[in-house]
Structure formats: C-alpha cells, structure tokens
Amino acid sequence: MPTPAERKALLFFSVVLVLGASTRAYRTLHSRSPANAGARSALERQIKAADSARRAGLRKPKREPKRKAPPRPVGPVDLDVAGEKEIEGLRHIGPGLAKRIIEDRDSLGPFGSIEGLRRVKGIGPSMVAKLDSSVTFSLVPRPTNTVISRRSELRKTPGKPHRRDMRP
C-alpha cells in the first residue's frame, strides 16, 4: 500500500503524463504546417530517385563469398614437410597458427616429434593432445642442446640473495 506522499507523487506524474499526451495530440491534429508538405515532396523525390536507380541497374556490389575452409586431410599430416594449406586443414589450426608452425620449422629445423612441436607459440599441452592422432613427423630434429625451445623451459638460476636475508 503506497504512503500518502507516494500517492501524491503518483497523482502528479499521471497528471503531467496526461497533459503532455493531450497537448501533443492536439498539436498533431490541428497543425497544418508546411513541413508536412515539404516532407511529402522530399519523400516523393527519394522514391523517384530510387526507381530511376533500379531502372538504370545501379545496385550495391555483392559481397564476396566466404572463403571456404581447406579440405580436411584424409590421413595424418607430416608436419616436417607439409605445406601451409595442409596444416591449416587440421582441426583446431587456423591460418595464423599454420604460418607460425611453418616459420618455426623453417628457422629452427624439423620438429621430429610431438614434443618438438611444442616449441611453437600457441601450441601447449592441450593442443598437443588434440593433434596427437592427426600428425606425424618424418625428419630428424635438430639436436636439443643447440636449441632453447621456450623461455619458460629455462632453468631458473638462483639470484643474489637480498641483504635482508643475509642478516645474522
């Protein structure tokens, strides 16, 4: 149940709403402004222009059809020798990741195993698990002692101890 103050506020807002609506309706029904005639003539000109454009054959250019995804490979893909389109055909691998795989292979040599593939940015343990059954490797990888795969795999060397730790 509304309080007396709330009732007064509701009554005030309803009166304002009714007065505003009635004023607007009165102006709409009794106004003979030349803006309506001007708006009508402008609308007629637009319709004529659109009709003439249709007759002249002017239309918006059609959108290019979506690029089709490369076909899915039938068997496992050899990532040591495969091209970009073949790699892109694998599930979960888009054009960006396919380019990174090729660039890594070209600069650091063949992967040799699924663990060698992990050096590519964007391929982690979950991606390796997804790709495990659909990829193969034919070439011998570069020796691992000459290549540091990822910065995160480097051993953390203990730094110089802080002076507060050296207090007796």
N, C-alpha and C. Protein backbone atom coordinates (compact mmCIF):
# COMPACT_ATOMS: atom_id res chain seq x y z
N MET A 1 0.84 -1.16 0.00
CA MET A 1 0.00 0.00 0.00
C MET A 1 0.90 1.24 0.00
N PRO A 2 0.68 2.17 -0.97
CA PRO A 2 1.52 3.36 -1.01
C PRO A 2 1.19 4.33 0.13
N THR A 3 2.19 5.02 0.54
CA THR A 3 2.02 6.03 1.58
C THR A 3 1.34 7.27 0.96
N PRO A 4 0.84 8.19 1.79
CA PRO A 4 0.20 9.39 1.24
C PRO A 4 1.15 10.21 0.36
N ALA A 5 2.41 10.28 0.71
CA ALA A 5 3.37 11.03 -0.11
C ALA A 5 3.58 10.36 -1.47
N GLU A 6 3.61 9.01 -1.46
CA GLU A 6 3.76 8.28 -2.72
C GLU A 6 2.52 8.45 -3.59
N ARG A 7 1.34 8.47 -2.97
CA ARG A 7 0.10 8.70 -3.73
C ARG A 7 0.11 10.06 -4.41
N LYS A 8 0.55 11.07 -3.69
CA LYS A 8 0.62 12.41 -4.26
C LYS A 8 1.60 12.45 -5.44
N ALA A 9 2.75 11.77 -5.29
CA ALA A 9 3.74 11.75 -6.37
C ALA A 9 3.19 11.03 -7.60
N LEU A 10 2.50 9.90 -7.38
CA LEU A 10 1.90 9.17 -8.50
C LEU A 10 0.83 10.00 -9.18
N LEU A 11 0.03 10.70 -8.42
CA LEU A 11 -1.01 11.56 -8.99
C LEU A 11 -0.38 12.67 -9.82
N PHE A 12 0.67 13.28 -9.30
CA PHE A 12 1.35 14.36 -10.02
C PHE A 12 1.91 13.85 -11.35
N PHE A 13 2.61 12.70 -11.34
CA PHE A 13 3.19 12.17 -12.57
C PHE A 13 2.12 11.77 -13.57
N SER A 14 1.02 11.21 -13.10
CA SER A 14 -0.04 10.83 -14.04
C SER A 14 -0.69 12.06 -14.66
N VAL A 15 -0.88 13.16 -13.89
CA VAL A 15 -1.44 14.39 -14.44
C VAL A 15 -0.48 14.97 -15.49
N VAL A 16 0.79 14.99 -15.20
CA VAL A 16 1.78 15.51 -16.16
C VAL A 16 1.77 14.66 -17.43
N LEU A 17 1.69 13.35 -17.29
CA LEU A 17 1.65 12.45 -18.45
C LEU A 17 0.42 12.71 -19.31
N VAL A 18 -0.75 12.84 -18.70
CA VAL A 18 -2.00 13.07 -19.44
C VAL A 18 -1.96 14.43 -20.13
N LEU A 19 -1.50 15.47 -19.44
CA LEU A 19 -1.41 16.80 -20.06
C LEU A 19 -0.44 16.81 -21.24
N GLY A 20 0.69 16.15 -21.08
CA GLY A 20 1.66 16.11 -22.17
C GLY A 20 1.14 15.37 -23.38
N ALA A 21 0.48 14.24 -23.16
CA ALA A 21 -0.07 13.46 -24.26
C ALA A 21 -1.19 14.22 -24.97
N SER A 22 -2.03 14.88 -24.19
CA SER A 22 -3.14 15.61 -24.83
C SER A 22 -2.62 16.81 -25.61
N THR A 23 -1.61 17.50 -25.12
CA THR A 23 -1.02 18.62 -25.85
C THR A 23 -0.41 18.14 -27.17
N ARG A 24 0.27 17.05 -27.11
CA ARG A 24 0.90 16.51 -28.33
C ARG A 24 -0.16 16.09 -29.35
N ALA A 25 -1.22 15.44 -28.88
CA ALA A 25 -2.29 15.01 -29.78
C ALA A 25 -2.98 16.23 -30.40
N TYR A 26 -3.24 17.27 -29.64
CA TYR A 26 -3.89 18.47 -30.14
C TYR A 26 -3.03 19.12 -31.22
N ARG A 27 -1.74 19.25 -30.97
CA ARG A 27 -0.85 19.87 -31.96
C ARG A 27 -0.79 19.05 -33.24
N THR A 28 -0.77 17.73 -33.12
CA THR A 28 -0.69 16.88 -34.30
C THR A 28 -1.96 16.99 -35.14
N LEU A 29 -3.11 17.00 -34.50
CA LEU A 29 -4.37 17.02 -35.23
C LEU A 29 -4.69 18.39 -35.82
N HIS A 30 -4.30 19.47 -35.19
CA HIS A 30 -4.69 20.81 -35.64
C HIS A 30 -3.59 21.60 -36.32
N SER A 31 -2.47 20.98 -36.57
CA SER A 31 -1.40 21.74 -37.22
C SER A 31 -1.44 21.50 -38.73
N ARG A 32 -1.26 22.57 -39.47
CA ARG A 32 -1.19 22.49 -40.93
C ARG A 32 0.12 23.12 -41.35
N SER A 33 1.17 22.58 -40.84
CA SER A 33 2.48 23.18 -41.11
C SER A 33 2.95 22.80 -42.51
N PRO A 34 3.68 23.70 -43.15
CA PRO A 34 4.21 23.39 -44.48
C PRO A 34 5.30 22.32 -44.42
N ALA A 35 5.78 21.97 -43.21
CA ALA A 35 6.81 20.93 -43.10
C ALA A 35 6.26 19.59 -43.59
N ASN A 36 4.99 19.34 -43.35
CA ASN A 36 4.42 18.08 -43.81
C ASN A 36 4.40 18.03 -45.33
N ALA A 37 4.05 19.14 -45.98
CA ALA A 37 4.04 19.17 -47.44
C ALA A 37 5.47 19.04 -47.97
N GLY A 38 6.40 19.71 -47.30
CA GLY A 38 7.80 19.60 -47.73
C GLY A 38 8.33 18.19 -47.52
N ALA A 39 7.94 17.57 -46.44
CA ALA A 39 8.39 16.20 -46.18
C ALA A 39 7.82 15.25 -47.22
N ARG A 40 6.57 15.49 -47.60
CA ARG A 40 5.96 14.63 -48.62
C ARG A 40 6.66 14.78 -49.96
N SER A 41 6.98 16.01 -50.35
CA SER A 41 7.64 16.20 -51.64
C SER A 41 9.06 15.62 -51.60
N ALA A 42 9.74 15.72 -50.46
CA ALA A 42 11.08 15.14 -50.35
C ALA A 42 11.01 13.62 -50.45
N LEU A 43 9.98 13.04 -49.85
CA LEU A 43 9.81 11.59 -49.92
C LEU A 43 9.53 11.16 -51.35
N GLU A 44 8.71 11.91 -52.06
CA GLU A 44 8.42 11.57 -53.44
C GLU A 44 9.68 11.65 -54.31
N ARG A 45 10.53 12.66 -54.07
CA ARG A 45 11.79 12.77 -54.82
C ARG A 45 12.70 11.57 -54.55
N GLN A 46 12.75 11.13 -53.29
CA GLN A 46 13.58 9.97 -52.96
C GLN A 46 13.07 8.71 -53.64
N ILE A 47 11.76 8.55 -53.67
CA ILE A 47 11.18 7.37 -54.32
C ILE A 47 11.49 7.38 -55.81
N LYS A 48 11.37 8.56 -56.45
CA LYS A 48 11.68 8.66 -57.88
C LYS A 48 13.16 8.35 -58.14
N ALA A 49 14.03 8.85 -57.28
CA ALA A 49 15.46 8.59 -57.45
C ALA A 49 15.76 7.10 -57.30
N ALA A 50 15.12 6.45 -56.34
CA ALA A 50 15.34 5.02 -56.13
C ALA A 50 14.82 4.22 -57.32
N ASP A 51 13.65 4.62 -57.85
CA ASP A 51 13.11 3.92 -59.00
C ASP A 51 14.00 4.09 -60.23
N SER A 52 14.52 5.30 -60.42
CA SER A 52 15.39 5.51 -61.58
C SER A 52 16.70 4.74 -61.42
N ALA A 53 17.20 4.61 -60.21
CA ALA A 53 18.42 3.82 -59.98
C ALA A 53 18.16 2.35 -60.27
N ARG A 54 16.98 1.85 -59.90
CA ARG A 54 16.65 0.46 -60.19
C ARG A 54 16.57 0.23 -61.70
N ARG A 55 15.94 1.19 -62.39
CA ARG A 55 15.83 1.05 -63.84
C ARG A 55 17.20 1.11 -64.52
N ALA A 56 18.09 1.93 -63.99
CA ALA A 56 19.41 2.07 -64.59
C ALA A 56 20.33 0.90 -64.24
N GLY A 57 19.93 0.08 -63.31
CA GLY A 57 20.73 -1.09 -62.94
C GLY A 57 21.80 -0.78 -61.91
N LEU A 58 21.71 0.34 -61.23
CA LEU A 58 22.69 0.66 -60.20
C LEU A 58 22.32 -0.08 -58.92
N ARG A 59 23.21 -0.93 -58.49
CA ARG A 59 22.97 -1.69 -57.27
C ARG A 59 24.25 -1.75 -56.46
N LYS A 60 24.09 -2.09 -55.22
CA LYS A 60 25.27 -2.26 -54.38
C LYS A 60 26.05 -3.47 -54.88
N PRO A 61 27.38 -3.38 -54.80
CA PRO A 61 28.15 -4.55 -55.21
C PRO A 61 27.91 -5.71 -54.25
N LYS A 62 27.87 -6.90 -54.82
CA LYS A 62 27.62 -8.08 -53.99
C LYS A 62 28.85 -8.38 -53.15
N ARG A 63 28.60 -8.93 -52.00
CA ARG A 63 29.71 -9.32 -51.13
C ARG A 63 30.44 -10.51 -51.72
N GLU A 64 31.73 -10.57 -51.38
CA GLU A 64 32.48 -11.73 -51.82
C GLU A 64 32.05 -12.93 -51.01
N PRO A 65 31.97 -14.09 -51.65
CA PRO A 65 31.58 -15.27 -50.87
C PRO A 65 32.65 -15.59 -49.84
N LYS A 66 32.22 -16.21 -48.75
CA LYS A 66 33.16 -16.57 -47.70
C LYS A 66 34.20 -17.55 -48.24
N ARG A 67 35.41 -17.35 -47.73
CA ARG A 67 36.48 -18.26 -48.14
C ARG A 67 36.23 -19.63 -47.52
N LYS A 68 36.24 -20.63 -48.35
CA LYS A 68 35.99 -21.97 -47.86
C LYS A 68 37.20 -22.46 -47.09
N ALA A 69 36.92 -23.21 -46.06
CA ALA A 69 38.00 -23.80 -45.27
C ALA A 69 38.69 -24.86 -46.11
N PRO A 70 40.00 -25.03 -45.92
CA PRO A 70 40.70 -26.05 -46.69
C PRO A 70 40.13 -27.44 -46.35
N PRO A 71 40.18 -28.34 -47.29
CA PRO A 71 39.61 -29.67 -47.03
C PRO A 71 40.40 -30.38 -45.93
N ARG A 72 39.68 -31.16 -45.16
CA ARG A 72 40.31 -31.91 -44.08
C ARG A 72 41.16 -33.03 -44.67
N PRO A 73 42.37 -33.20 -44.15
CA PRO A 73 43.22 -34.26 -44.69
C PRO A 73 42.64 -35.63 -44.33
N VAL A 74 42.92 -36.60 -45.21
CA VAL A 74 42.39 -37.94 -45.03
C VAL A 74 43.18 -38.69 -43.95
N GLY A 75 44.50 -38.65 -44.05
CA GLY A 75 45.33 -39.35 -43.09
C GLY A 75 46.11 -38.37 -42.24
N PRO A 76 47.09 -38.86 -41.50
CA PRO A 76 47.89 -37.95 -40.68
C PRO A 76 48.75 -37.04 -41.56
N VAL A 77 48.99 -35.83 -41.09
CA VAL A 77 49.77 -34.84 -41.83
C VAL A 77 51.19 -34.82 -41.26
N ASP A 78 52.17 -34.90 -42.15
CA ASP A 78 53.57 -34.85 -41.73
C ASP A 78 53.96 -33.39 -41.57
N LEU A 79 54.09 -32.93 -40.34
CA LEU A 79 54.36 -31.52 -40.08
C LEU A 79 55.79 -31.12 -40.42
N ASP A 80 56.68 -32.07 -40.65
CA ASP A 80 58.05 -31.73 -41.03
C ASP A 80 58.17 -31.32 -42.50
N VAL A 81 57.18 -31.68 -43.32
CA VAL A 81 57.26 -31.35 -44.75
C VAL A 81 55.97 -30.76 -45.31
N ALA A 82 54.90 -30.70 -44.54
CA ALA A 82 53.59 -30.26 -45.04
C ALA A 82 53.59 -28.77 -45.36
N GLY A 83 52.75 -28.39 -46.32
CA GLY A 83 52.57 -27.00 -46.69
C GLY A 83 51.55 -26.33 -45.77
N GLU A 84 51.41 -25.02 -45.97
CA GLU A 84 50.53 -24.24 -45.10
C GLU A 84 49.08 -24.68 -45.21
N LYS A 85 48.61 -24.95 -46.42
CA LYS A 85 47.21 -25.34 -46.61
C LYS A 85 46.91 -26.69 -45.96
N GLU A 86 47.88 -27.61 -46.04
CA GLU A 86 47.67 -28.92 -45.42
C GLU A 86 47.59 -28.78 -43.90
N ILE A 87 48.47 -27.96 -43.34
CA ILE A 87 48.47 -27.77 -41.90
C ILE A 87 47.21 -27.05 -41.46
N GLU A 88 46.78 -26.09 -42.26
CA GLU A 88 45.56 -25.34 -41.94
C GLU A 88 44.33 -26.24 -41.99
N GLY A 89 44.40 -27.32 -42.74
CA GLY A 89 43.28 -28.26 -42.83
C GLY A 89 43.07 -29.07 -41.58
N LEU A 90 44.05 -29.09 -40.69
CA LEU A 90 43.90 -29.83 -39.43
C LEU A 90 42.89 -29.12 -38.53
N ARG A 91 42.21 -29.90 -37.72
CA ARG A 91 41.26 -29.31 -36.77
C ARG A 91 42.01 -28.49 -35.75
N HIS A 92 41.41 -27.40 -35.33
CA HIS A 92 41.93 -26.50 -34.28
C HIS A 92 43.12 -25.67 -34.75
N ILE A 93 43.47 -25.69 -36.03
CA ILE A 93 44.59 -24.89 -36.51
C ILE A 93 44.08 -23.94 -37.57
N GLY A 94 44.25 -22.65 -37.33
CA GLY A 94 43.83 -21.62 -38.27
C GLY A 94 45.01 -21.13 -39.08
N PRO A 95 44.80 -20.11 -39.90
CA PRO A 95 45.87 -19.61 -40.76
C PRO A 95 47.05 -19.03 -39.98
N GLY A 96 46.78 -18.36 -38.88
CA GLY A 96 47.87 -17.76 -38.10
C GLY A 96 48.78 -18.81 -37.49
N LEU A 97 48.18 -19.83 -36.89
CA LEU A 97 48.97 -20.89 -36.26
C LEU A 97 49.71 -21.70 -37.32
N ALA A 98 49.09 -21.91 -38.47
CA ALA A 98 49.77 -22.64 -39.56
C ALA A 98 51.01 -21.88 -40.01
N LYS A 99 50.91 -20.55 -40.12
CA LYS A 99 52.08 -19.74 -40.50
C LYS A 99 53.17 -19.83 -39.46
N ARG A 100 52.79 -19.79 -38.16
CA ARG A 100 53.80 -19.89 -37.11
C ARG A 100 54.50 -21.24 -37.13
N ILE A 101 53.75 -22.30 -37.42
CA ILE A 101 54.36 -23.64 -37.50
C ILE A 101 55.37 -23.68 -38.62
N ILE A 102 55.02 -23.15 -39.79
CA ILE A 102 55.93 -23.16 -40.95
C ILE A 102 57.15 -22.29 -40.65
N GLU A 103 56.94 -21.09 -40.09
CA GLU A 103 58.08 -20.21 -39.79
C GLU A 103 59.03 -20.85 -38.79
N ASP A 104 58.48 -21.50 -37.77
CA ASP A 104 59.33 -22.16 -36.78
C ASP A 104 60.11 -23.30 -37.42
N ARG A 105 59.44 -24.08 -38.26
CA ARG A 105 60.11 -25.20 -38.92
C ARG A 105 61.20 -24.71 -39.86
N ASP A 106 60.94 -23.59 -40.57
CA ASP A 106 61.94 -23.07 -41.50
C ASP A 106 63.14 -22.48 -40.77
N SER A 107 62.90 -21.86 -39.61
CA SER A 107 64.02 -21.21 -38.92
C SER A 107 64.78 -22.15 -37.99
N LEU A 108 64.10 -23.08 -37.36
CA LEU A 108 64.76 -23.95 -36.37
C LEU A 108 64.91 -25.39 -36.81
N GLY A 109 64.40 -25.73 -37.98
CA GLY A 109 64.53 -27.10 -38.47
C GLY A 109 63.31 -27.92 -38.15
N PRO A 110 63.30 -29.18 -38.61
CA PRO A 110 62.13 -30.04 -38.43
C PRO A 110 61.85 -30.32 -36.95
N PHE A 111 60.60 -30.67 -36.68
CA PHE A 111 60.19 -30.92 -35.31
C PHE A 111 60.64 -32.29 -34.82
N GLY A 112 60.46 -33.31 -35.62
CA GLY A 112 60.91 -34.65 -35.27
C GLY A 112 59.96 -35.40 -34.36
N SER A 113 59.24 -34.73 -33.52
CA SER A 113 58.30 -35.41 -32.61
C SER A 113 57.25 -34.40 -32.16
N ILE A 114 56.28 -34.94 -31.46
CA ILE A 114 55.20 -34.07 -30.96
C ILE A 114 55.74 -33.12 -29.90
N GLU A 115 56.77 -33.52 -29.18
CA GLU A 115 57.38 -32.65 -28.18
C GLU A 115 58.12 -31.50 -28.86
N GLY A 116 58.70 -31.73 -30.03
CA GLY A 116 59.35 -30.66 -30.77
C GLY A 116 58.36 -29.62 -31.26
N LEU A 117 57.13 -30.05 -31.50
CA LEU A 117 56.08 -29.14 -31.96
C LEU A 117 55.69 -28.15 -30.87
N ARG A 118 55.91 -28.50 -29.63
CA ARG A 118 55.53 -27.63 -28.51
C ARG A 118 56.32 -26.33 -28.46
N ARG A 119 57.40 -26.24 -29.21
CA ARG A 119 58.19 -25.00 -29.20
C ARG A 119 57.49 -23.87 -29.94
N VAL A 120 56.46 -24.19 -30.71
CA VAL A 120 55.72 -23.18 -31.46
C VAL A 120 54.79 -22.45 -30.49
N LYS A 121 54.78 -21.12 -30.58
CA LYS A 121 53.91 -20.33 -29.71
C LYS A 121 52.47 -20.62 -30.08
N GLY A 122 51.66 -20.92 -29.09
CA GLY A 122 50.25 -21.23 -29.32
C GLY A 122 49.95 -22.71 -29.27
N ILE A 123 50.98 -23.52 -29.13
CA ILE A 123 50.77 -24.96 -29.02
C ILE A 123 51.25 -25.39 -27.65
N GLY A 124 50.28 -25.74 -26.82
CA GLY A 124 50.60 -26.18 -25.47
C GLY A 124 50.19 -27.63 -25.29
N PRO A 125 50.14 -28.09 -24.06
CA PRO A 125 49.81 -29.48 -23.80
C PRO A 125 48.43 -29.90 -24.31
N SER A 126 47.44 -29.03 -24.20
CA SER A 126 46.10 -29.41 -24.66
C SER A 126 46.05 -29.50 -26.18
N MET A 127 46.73 -28.58 -26.87
CA MET A 127 46.75 -28.64 -28.34
C MET A 127 47.51 -29.87 -28.80
N VAL A 128 48.59 -30.21 -28.11
CA VAL A 128 49.35 -31.41 -28.46
C VAL A 128 48.47 -32.64 -28.32
N ALA A 129 47.67 -32.69 -27.26
CA ALA A 129 46.77 -33.82 -27.07
C ALA A 129 45.73 -33.91 -28.18
N LYS A 130 45.24 -32.76 -28.65
CA LYS A 130 44.24 -32.76 -29.72
C LYS A 130 44.84 -33.18 -31.05
N LEU A 131 46.10 -32.79 -31.30
CA LEU A 131 46.73 -33.07 -32.59
C LEU A 131 47.44 -34.41 -32.65
N ASP A 132 47.62 -35.07 -31.53
CA ASP A 132 48.46 -36.25 -31.44
C ASP A 132 48.10 -37.31 -32.48
N SER A 133 46.83 -37.58 -32.70
CA SER A 133 46.44 -38.65 -33.61
C SER A 133 46.42 -38.21 -35.08
N SER A 134 46.50 -36.92 -35.35
CA SER A 134 46.35 -36.47 -36.73
C SER A 134 47.64 -35.94 -37.35
N VAL A 135 48.76 -36.01 -36.63
CA VAL A 135 50.02 -35.53 -37.19
C VAL A 135 51.08 -36.61 -37.07
N THR A 136 52.08 -36.50 -37.94
CA THR A 136 53.22 -37.40 -37.91
C THR A 136 54.47 -36.59 -38.23
N PHE A 137 55.63 -37.14 -37.98
CA PHE A 137 56.89 -36.45 -38.19
C PHE A 137 57.84 -37.41 -38.87
N SER A 138 58.50 -36.97 -39.96
CA SER A 138 59.35 -37.87 -40.72
C SER A 138 60.83 -37.54 -40.63
N LEU A 139 61.19 -36.34 -40.29
CA LEU A 139 62.58 -35.94 -40.30
C LEU A 139 63.18 -35.97 -38.91
N VAL A 140 64.51 -35.98 -38.88
CA VAL A 140 65.23 -36.00 -37.61
C VAL A 140 65.32 -34.57 -37.10
N PRO A 141 64.97 -34.34 -35.85
CA PRO A 141 65.03 -32.97 -35.34
C PRO A 141 66.45 -32.51 -35.10
N ARG A 142 66.61 -31.23 -35.00
CA ARG A 142 67.89 -30.65 -34.65
C ARG A 142 68.21 -31.06 -33.21
N PRO A 143 69.48 -31.29 -32.89
CA PRO A 143 69.81 -31.68 -31.51
C PRO A 143 69.28 -30.65 -30.52
N THR A 144 68.74 -31.16 -29.42
CA THR A 144 68.09 -30.28 -28.47
C THR A 144 69.05 -29.42 -27.67
N ASN A 145 70.32 -29.79 -27.63
CA ASN A 145 71.23 -28.98 -26.83
C ASN A 145 71.63 -27.69 -27.54
N THR A 146 71.30 -27.54 -28.83
CA THR A 146 71.63 -26.31 -29.53
C THR A 146 70.45 -25.37 -29.63
N VAL A 147 69.26 -25.85 -29.30
CA VAL A 147 68.06 -25.03 -29.44
C VAL A 147 67.39 -24.91 -28.08
N ILE A 148 67.13 -23.70 -27.67
CA ILE A 148 66.35 -23.47 -26.46
C ILE A 148 64.94 -23.21 -26.94
N SER A 149 64.06 -24.16 -26.65
CA SER A 149 62.73 -24.10 -27.21
C SER A 149 61.92 -22.92 -26.71
N ARG A 150 61.75 -22.83 -25.42
CA ARG A 150 60.93 -21.77 -24.86
C ARG A 150 61.63 -21.16 -23.68
N ARG A 151 61.35 -19.93 -23.47
CA ARG A 151 61.96 -19.25 -22.34
C ARG A 151 61.45 -19.83 -21.02
N SER A 152 60.21 -20.29 -21.01
CA SER A 152 59.64 -20.83 -19.79
C SER A 152 60.29 -22.15 -19.39
N GLU A 153 60.97 -22.82 -20.36
CA GLU A 153 61.61 -24.09 -20.06
C GLU A 153 63.03 -23.92 -19.54
N LEU A 154 63.53 -22.69 -19.53
CA LEU A 154 64.87 -22.46 -19.00
C LEU A 154 64.87 -22.67 -17.49
N ARG A 155 65.98 -23.14 -16.99
CA ARG A 155 66.09 -23.32 -15.55
C ARG A 155 66.25 -21.97 -14.88
N LYS A 156 65.61 -21.83 -13.79
CA LYS A 156 65.72 -20.59 -13.03
C LYS A 156 66.97 -20.66 -12.18
N THR A 157 67.90 -19.75 -12.41
CA THR A 157 69.11 -19.73 -11.60
C THR A 157 68.85 -18.87 -10.38
N PRO A 158 69.31 -19.35 -9.25
CA PRO A 158 69.08 -18.53 -8.06
C PRO A 158 69.88 -17.24 -8.16
N GLY A 159 69.24 -16.15 -7.87
CA GLY A 159 69.90 -14.85 -7.95
C GLY A 159 70.67 -14.54 -6.68
N LYS A 160 71.24 -13.41 -6.66
CA LYS A 160 71.98 -12.96 -5.50
C LYS A 160 71.00 -12.76 -4.35
N PRO A 161 71.32 -13.27 -3.16
CA PRO A 161 70.37 -13.13 -2.06
C PRO A 161 70.24 -11.67 -1.64
N HIS A 162 69.07 -11.33 -1.17
CA HIS A 162 68.80 -9.97 -0.73
C HIS A 162 69.53 -9.72 0.58
N ARG A 163 69.91 -8.46 0.81
CA ARG A 163 70.71 -8.17 2.01
C ARG A 163 69.95 -8.42 3.29
N ARG A 164 68.59 -8.34 3.25
CA ARG A 164 67.85 -8.61 4.48
C ARG A 164 67.91 -10.09 4.85
N ASP A 165 68.15 -10.96 3.84
CA ASP A 165 68.28 -12.38 4.11
C ASP A 165 69.65 -12.73 4.65
N MET A 166 70.60 -11.84 4.53
CA MET A 166 71.96 -12.12 4.94
C MET A 166 72.22 -11.67 6.38
N ARG A 167 71.26 -11.06 7.02
CA ARG A 167 71.45 -10.60 8.41
C ARG A 167 71.55 -11.79 9.35
N PRO A 168 72.37 -11.62 10.40
CA PRO A 168 72.51 -12.74 11.36
C PRO A 168 71.35 -12.87 12.29
